[in-house]
Amino acid sequence: MLNNIGLPGLLLIAVVVLVLFGRGKISGLMGEVGKGITAFKKGVDDSTKELDEADVAVKDVTPEEEKDKA
């Protein structure tokens, strides 16, 4: 259904969105999206650092029956 939009269709959609919402609202929305993406990346980096710094031993929780089969 949406496979055949093409460049003219995308341009038409962009013009309609621009007319409906105006340049100010669209730029404000894009700014908020950028802040959200930045906050998400920062959160992922922070959690990765916490996991790397944590000294947690990995415990094998495989049931005994499956250990015997292997």
PDB file of N, CA and C in Angstrom:
ATOM      1  N   MET A   1       0.824  -1.194   0.000  1.00  0.00           N
ATOM      2  CA  MET A   1       0.000   0.000   0.000  1.00  0.00           C
ATOM      3  C   MET A   1       0.868   1.257   0.000  1.00  0.00           C
ATOM      4  N   LEU A   2       1.833   1.341   0.918  1.00  0.00           N
ATOM      5  CA  LEU A   2       2.689   2.521   0.987  1.00  0.00           C
ATOM      6  C   LEU A   2       4.000   2.337   0.220  1.00  0.00           C
ATOM      7  N   ASN A   3       4.116   1.260  -0.521  1.00  0.00           N
ATOM      8  CA  ASN A   3       5.360   0.988  -1.247  1.00  0.00           C
ATOM      9  C   ASN A   3       5.554   1.912  -2.441  1.00  0.00           C
ATOM     10  N   ASN A   4       4.502   2.489  -2.990  1.00  0.00           N
ATOM     11  CA  ASN A   4       4.609   3.257  -4.223  1.00  0.00           C
ATOM     12  C   ASN A   4       4.415   4.758  -4.000  1.00  0.00           C
ATOM     13  N   ILE A   5       4.787   5.278  -2.844  1.00  0.00           N
ATOM     14  CA  ILE A   5       4.601   6.707  -2.583  1.00  0.00           C
ATOM     15  C   ILE A   5       5.527   7.527  -3.474  1.00  0.00           C
ATOM     16  N   GLY A   6       6.789   7.259  -3.456  1.00  0.00           N
ATOM     17  CA  GLY A   6       7.742   7.957  -4.304  1.00  0.00           C
ATOM     18  C   GLY A   6       8.045   9.367  -3.820  1.00  0.00           C
ATOM     19  N   LEU A   7       8.930  10.027  -4.520  1.00  0.00           N
ATOM     20  CA  LEU A   7       9.356  11.373  -4.157  1.00  0.00           C
ATOM     21  C   LEU A   7       8.236  12.404  -4.282  1.00  0.00           C
ATOM     22  N   PRO A   8       7.445  12.411  -5.343  1.00  0.00           N
ATOM     23  CA  PRO A   8       6.371  13.409  -5.426  1.00  0.00           C
ATOM     24  C   PRO A   8       5.351  13.275  -4.288  1.00  0.00           C
ATOM     25  N   GLY A   9       5.054  12.070  -3.902  1.00  0.00           N
ATOM     26  CA  GLY A   9       4.121  11.846  -2.796  1.00  0.00           C
ATOM     27  C   GLY A   9       4.669  12.351  -1.473  1.00  0.00           C
ATOM     28  N   LEU A  10       5.953  12.082  -1.240  1.00  0.00           N
ATOM     29  CA  LEU A  10       6.582  12.567  -0.006  1.00  0.00           C
ATOM     30  C   LEU A  10       6.631  14.091   0.038  1.00  0.00           C
ATOM     31  N   LEU A  11       6.914  14.716  -1.094  1.00  0.00           N
ATOM     32  CA  LEU A  11       6.929  16.179  -1.149  1.00  0.00           C
ATOM     33  C   LEU A  11       5.539  16.750  -0.889  1.00  0.00           C
ATOM     34  N   LEU A  12       4.520  16.121  -1.444  1.00  0.00           N
ATOM     35  CA  LEU A  12       3.154  16.574  -1.212  1.00  0.00           C
ATOM     36  C   LEU A  12       2.784  16.454   0.266  1.00  0.00           C
ATOM     37  N   ILE A  13       3.149  15.349   0.891  1.00  0.00           N
ATOM     38  CA  ILE A  13       2.879  15.165   2.323  1.00  0.00           C
ATOM     39  C   ILE A  13       3.607  16.226   3.137  1.00  0.00           C
ATOM     40  N   ALA A  14       4.873  16.512   2.804  1.00  0.00           N
ATOM     41  CA  ALA A  14       5.642  17.517   3.530  1.00  0.00           C
ATOM     42  C   ALA A  14       5.004  18.893   3.410  1.00  0.00           C
ATOM     43  N   VAL A  15       4.535  19.243   2.212  1.00  0.00           N
ATOM     44  CA  VAL A  15       3.897  20.549   2.013  1.00  0.00           C
ATOM     45  C   VAL A  15       2.607  20.639   2.810  1.00  0.00           C
ATOM     46  N   VAL A  16       1.809  19.588   2.815  1.00  0.00           N
ATOM     47  CA  VAL A  16       0.550  19.593   3.564  1.00  0.00           C
ATOM     48  C   VAL A  16       0.819  19.737   5.055  1.00  0.00           C
ATOM     49  N   VAL A  17       1.796  19.008   5.569  1.00  0.00           N
ATOM     50  CA  VAL A  17       2.136  19.110   6.996  1.00  0.00           C
ATOM     51  C   VAL A  17       2.615  20.516   7.319  1.00  0.00           C
ATOM     52  N   LEU A  18       3.429  21.092   6.461  1.00  0.00           N
ATOM     53  CA  LEU A  18       3.938  22.448   6.682  1.00  0.00           C
ATOM     54  C   LEU A  18       2.799  23.460   6.700  1.00  0.00           C
ATOM     55  N   VAL A  19       1.839  23.316   5.792  1.00  0.00           N
ATOM     56  CA  VAL A  19       0.703  24.244   5.736  1.00  0.00           C
ATOM     57  C   VAL A  19      -0.178  24.083   6.973  1.00  0.00           C
ATOM     58  N   LEU A  20      -0.426  22.851   7.379  1.00  0.00           N
ATOM     59  CA  LEU A  20      -1.319  22.609   8.514  1.00  0.00           C
ATOM     60  C   LEU A  20      -0.728  23.079   9.841  1.00  0.00           C
ATOM     61  N   PHE A  21       0.539  22.788  10.082  1.00  0.00           N
ATOM     62  CA  PHE A  21       1.116  23.050  11.391  1.00  0.00           C
ATOM     63  C   PHE A  21       1.977  24.305  11.451  1.00  0.00           C
ATOM     64  N   GLY A  22       2.509  24.750  10.364  1.00  0.00           N
ATOM     65  CA  GLY A  22       3.360  25.931  10.372  1.00  0.00           C
ATOM     66  C   GLY A  22       4.791  25.599  10.729  1.00  0.00           C
ATOM     67  N   ARG A  23       5.675  26.483  10.312  1.00  0.00           N
ATOM     68  CA  ARG A  23       7.104  26.247  10.505  1.00  0.00           C
ATOM     69  C   ARG A  23       7.499  26.255  11.976  1.00  0.00           C
ATOM     70  N   GLY A  24       6.883  27.111  12.768  1.00  0.00           N
ATOM     71  CA  GLY A  24       7.249  27.225  14.182  1.00  0.00           C
ATOM     72  C   GLY A  24       6.968  25.962  14.961  1.00  0.00           C
ATOM     73  N   LYS A  25       5.788  25.400  14.769  1.00  0.00           N
ATOM     74  CA  LYS A  25       5.433  24.186  15.510  1.00  0.00           C
ATOM     75  C   LYS A  25       6.280  23.000  15.074  1.00  0.00           C
ATOM     76  N   ILE A  26       6.557  22.912  13.781  1.00  0.00           N
ATOM     77  CA  ILE A  26       7.354  21.784  13.288  1.00  0.00           C
ATOM     78  C   ILE A  26       8.781  21.864  13.815  1.00  0.00           C
ATOM     79  N   SER A  27       9.379  23.045  13.810  1.00  0.00           N
ATOM     80  CA  SER A  27      10.747  23.167  14.311  1.00  0.00           C
ATOM     81  C   SER A  27      10.802  22.907  15.815  1.00  0.00           C
ATOM     82  N   GLY A  28       9.773  23.349  16.538  1.00  0.00           N
ATOM     83  CA  GLY A  28       9.720  23.064  17.977  1.00  0.00           C
ATOM     84  C   GLY A  28       9.590  21.574  18.254  1.00  0.00           C
ATOM     85  N   LEU A  29       8.775  20.909  17.450  1.00  0.00           N
ATOM     86  CA  LEU A  29       8.594  19.468  17.603  1.00  0.00           C
ATOM     87  C   LEU A  29       9.885  18.721  17.297  1.00  0.00           C
ATOM     88  N   MET A  30      10.576  19.119  16.253  1.00  0.00           N
ATOM     89  CA  MET A  30      11.833  18.464  15.904  1.00  0.00           C
ATOM     90  C   MET A  30      12.891  18.689  16.988  1.00  0.00           C
ATOM     91  N   GLY A  31      12.865  19.872  17.618  1.00  0.00           N
ATOM     92  CA  GLY A  31      13.782  20.130  18.721  1.00  0.00           C
ATOM     93  C   GLY A  31      13.521  19.195  19.891  1.00  0.00           C
ATOM     94  N   GLU A  32      12.241  18.968  20.193  1.00  0.00           N
ATOM     95  CA  GLU A  32      11.886  18.059  21.273  1.00  0.00           C
ATOM     96  C   GLU A  32      12.271  16.625  20.939  1.00  0.00           C
ATOM     97  N   VAL A  33      12.091  16.228  19.688  1.00  0.00           N
ATOM     98  CA  VAL A  33      12.488  14.877  19.267  1.00  0.00           C
ATOM     99  C   VAL A  33      14.000  14.716  19.422  1.00  0.00           C
ATOM    100  N   GLY A  34      14.761  15.729  19.045  1.00  0.00           N
ATOM    101  CA  GLY A  34      16.217  15.678  19.191  1.00  0.00           C
ATOM    102  C   GLY A  34      16.640  15.566  20.644  1.00  0.00           C
ATOM    103  N   LYS A  35      15.978  16.317  21.524  1.00  0.00           N
ATOM    104  CA  LYS A  35      16.289  16.226  22.958  1.00  0.00           C
ATOM    105  C   LYS A  35      15.964  14.843  23.496  1.00  0.00           C
ATOM    106  N   GLY A  36      14.867  14.263  23.024  1.00  0.00           N
ATOM    107  CA  GLY A  36      14.496  12.929  23.466  1.00  0.00           C
ATOM    108  C   GLY A  36      15.497  11.878  23.034  1.00  0.00           C
ATOM    109  N   ILE A  37      15.958  11.980  21.794  1.00  0.00           N
ATOM    110  CA  ILE A  37      16.948  11.029  21.289  1.00  0.00           C
ATOM    111  C   ILE A  37      18.249  11.172  22.072  1.00  0.00           C
ATOM    112  N   THR A  38      18.655  12.401  22.355  1.00  0.00           N
ATOM    113  CA  THR A  38      19.878  12.640  23.114  1.00  0.00           C
ATOM    114  C   THR A  38      19.767  12.062  24.520  1.00  0.00           C
ATOM    115  N   ALA A  39      18.620  12.268  25.167  1.00  0.00           N
ATOM    116  CA  ALA A  39      18.421  11.729  26.516  1.00  0.00           C
ATOM    117  C   ALA A  39      18.423  10.204  26.501  1.00  0.00           C
ATOM    118  N   PHE A  40      17.833   9.596  25.471  1.00  0.00           N
ATOM    119  CA  PHE A  40      17.816   8.142  25.363  1.00  0.00           C
ATOM    120  C   PHE A  40      19.239   7.603  25.214  1.00  0.00           C
ATOM    121  N   LYS A  41      20.038   8.219  24.335  1.00  0.00           N
ATOM    122  CA  LYS A  41      21.415   7.764  24.137  1.00  0.00           C
ATOM    123  C   LYS A  41      22.224   7.904  25.420  1.00  0.00           C
ATOM    124  N   LYS A  42      22.018   9.010  26.141  1.00  0.00           N
ATOM    125  CA  LYS A  42      22.737   9.228  27.400  1.00  0.00           C
ATOM    126  C   LYS A  42      22.354   8.159  28.420  1.00  0.00           C
ATOM    127  N   GLY A  43      21.074   7.821  28.482  1.00  0.00           N
ATOM    128  CA  GLY A  43      20.625   6.779  29.399  1.00  0.00           C
ATOM    129  C   GLY A  43      21.208   5.422  29.064  1.00  0.00           C
ATOM    130  N   VAL A  44      21.281   5.099  27.788  1.00  0.00           N
ATOM    131  CA  VAL A  44      21.865   3.820  27.370  1.00  0.00           C
ATOM    132  C   VAL A  44      23.346   3.786  27.725  1.00  0.00           C
ATOM    133  N   ASP A  45      24.059   4.887  27.474  1.00  0.00           N
ATOM    134  CA  ASP A  45      25.484   4.935  27.802  1.00  0.00           C
ATOM    135  C   ASP A  45      25.713   4.806  29.304  1.00  0.00           C
ATOM    136  N   ASP A  46      24.892   5.501  30.098  1.00  0.00           N
ATOM    137  CA  ASP A  46      25.036   5.437  31.551  1.00  0.00           C
ATOM    138  C   ASP A  46      24.779   4.031  32.069  1.00  0.00           C
ATOM    139  N   SER A  47      23.750   3.374  31.554  1.00  0.00           N
ATOM    140  CA  SER A  47      23.456   2.022  32.028  1.00  0.00           C
ATOM    141  C   SER A  47      24.542   1.047  31.588  1.00  0.00           C
ATOM    142  N   THR A  48      25.106   1.254  30.411  1.00  0.00           N
ATOM    143  CA  THR A  48      26.197   0.394  29.957  1.00  0.00           C
ATOM    144  C   THR A  48      27.412   0.562  30.858  1.00  0.00           C
ATOM    145  N   LYS A  49      27.711   1.800  31.235  1.00  0.00           N
ATOM    146  CA  LYS A  49      28.834   2.048  32.141  1.00  0.00           C
ATOM    147  C   LYS A  49      28.591   1.395  33.495  1.00  0.00           C
ATOM    148  N   GLU A  50      27.361   1.488  34.004  1.00  0.00           N
ATOM    149  CA  GLU A  50      27.045   0.877  35.291  1.00  0.00           C
ATOM    150  C   GLU A  50      27.217  -0.632  35.238  1.00  0.00           C
ATOM    151  N   LEU A  51      26.785  -1.246  34.141  1.00  0.00           N
ATOM    152  CA  LEU A  51      26.931  -2.699  34.012  1.00  0.00           C
ATOM    153  C   LEU A  51      28.395  -3.096  33.902  1.00  0.00           C
ATOM    154  N   ASP A  52      29.190  -2.291  33.210  1.00  0.00           N
ATOM    155  CA  ASP A  52      30.612  -2.592  33.085  1.00  0.00           C
ATOM    156  C   ASP A  52      31.336  -2.449  34.417  1.00  0.00           C
ATOM    157  N   GLU A  53      30.922  -1.464  35.214  1.00  0.00           N
ATOM    158  CA  GLU A  53      31.573  -1.219  36.494  1.00  0.00           C
ATOM    159  C   GLU A  53      31.119  -2.184  37.584  1.00  0.00           C
ATOM    160  N   ALA A  54      29.956  -2.778  37.418  1.00  0.00           N
ATOM    161  CA  ALA A  54      29.413  -3.669  38.451  1.00  0.00           C
ATOM    162  C   ALA A  54      30.241  -4.946  38.516  1.00  0.00           C
ATOM    163  N   ASP A  55      30.475  -5.384  39.725  1.00  0.00           N
ATOM    164  CA  ASP A  55      31.207  -6.627  39.959  1.00  0.00           C
ATOM    165  C   ASP A  55      30.196  -7.698  40.355  1.00  0.00           C
ATOM    166  N   VAL A  56      29.493  -8.208  39.370  1.00  0.00           N
ATOM    167  CA  VAL A  56      28.454  -9.186  39.640  1.00  0.00           C
ATOM    168  C   VAL A  56      28.879 -10.526  39.056  1.00  0.00           C
ATOM    169  N   ALA A  57      28.836 -11.554  39.889  1.00  0.00           N
ATOM    170  CA  ALA A  57      29.171 -12.890  39.417  1.00  0.00           C
ATOM    171  C   ALA A  57      27.958 -13.472  38.705  1.00  0.00           C
ATOM    172  N   VAL A  58      28.198 -14.153  37.612  1.00  0.00           N
ATOM    173  CA  VAL A  58      27.124 -14.769  36.844  1.00  0.00           C
ATOM    174  C   VAL A  58      26.833 -16.131  37.442  1.00  0.00           C
ATOM    175  N   LYS A  59      25.572 -16.373  37.748  1.00  0.00           N
ATOM    176  CA  LYS A  59      25.166 -17.628  38.374  1.00  0.00           C
ATOM    177  C   LYS A  59      24.494 -18.505  37.324  1.00  0.00           C
ATOM    178  N   ASP A  60      24.870 -19.779  37.274  1.00  0.00           N
ATOM    179  CA  ASP A  60      24.260 -20.723  36.339  1.00  0.00           C
ATOM    180  C   ASP A  60      22.932 -21.197  36.919  1.00  0.00           C
ATOM    181  N   VAL A  61      21.857 -20.906  36.233  1.00  0.00           N
ATOM    182  CA  VAL A  61      20.526 -21.262  36.724  1.00  0.00           C
ATOM    183  C   VAL A  61      19.893 -22.363  35.877  1.00  0.00           C
ATOM    184  N   THR A  62      20.707 -23.110  35.146  1.00  0.00           N
ATOM    185  CA  THR A  62      20.203 -24.202  34.317  1.00  0.00           C
ATOM    186  C   THR A  62      19.729 -25.332  35.229  1.00  0.00           C
ATOM    187  N   PRO A  63      18.528 -25.885  34.982  1.00  0.00           N
ATOM    188  CA  PRO A  63      18.059 -27.007  35.807  1.00  0.00           C
ATOM    189  C   PRO A  63      19.002 -28.202  35.735  1.00  0.00           C
ATOM    190  N   GLU A  64      19.047 -28.988  36.801  1.00  0.00           N
ATOM    191  CA  GLU A  64      19.967 -30.119  36.880  1.00  0.00           C
ATOM    192  C   GLU A  64      19.735 -31.142  35.772  1.00  0.00           C
ATOM    193  N   GLU A  65      18.453 -31.336  35.372  1.00  0.00           N
ATOM    194  CA  GLU A  65      18.156 -32.319  34.326  1.00  0.00           C
ATOM    195  C   GLU A  65      18.829 -31.936  33.013  1.00  0.00           C
ATOM    196  N   GLU A  66      18.827 -30.663  32.695  1.00  0.00           N
ATOM    197  CA  GLU A  66      19.421 -30.209  31.438  1.00  0.00           C
ATOM    198  C   GLU A  66      20.946 -30.250  31.519  1.00  0.00           C
ATOM    199  N   LYS A  67      21.506 -30.037  32.700  1.00  0.00           N
ATOM    200  CA  LYS A  67      22.966 -30.127  32.864  1.00  0.00           C
ATOM    201  C   LYS A  67      23.435 -31.552  32.614  1.00  0.00           C
ATOM    202  N   ASP A  68      22.644 -32.555  33.080  1.00  0.00           N
ATOM    203  CA  ASP A  68      23.016 -33.939  32.912  1.00  0.00           C
ATOM    204  C   ASP A  68      22.966 -34.368  31.454  1.00  0.00           C
ATOM    205  N   LYS A  69      22.033 -33.784  30.676  1.00  0.00           N
ATOM    206  CA  LYS A  69      21.885 -34.133  29.257  1.00  0.00           C
ATOM    207  C   LYS A  69      23.050 -33.603  28.423  1.00  0.00           C
ATOM    208  N   ALA A  70      23.602 -32.486  28.838  1.00  0.00           N
ATOM    209  CA  ALA A  70      24.638 -31.838  28.042  1.00  0.00           C
ATOM    210  C   ALA A  70      25.972 -32.475  28.181  1.00  0.00           C
TER     211      ALA A  70
END
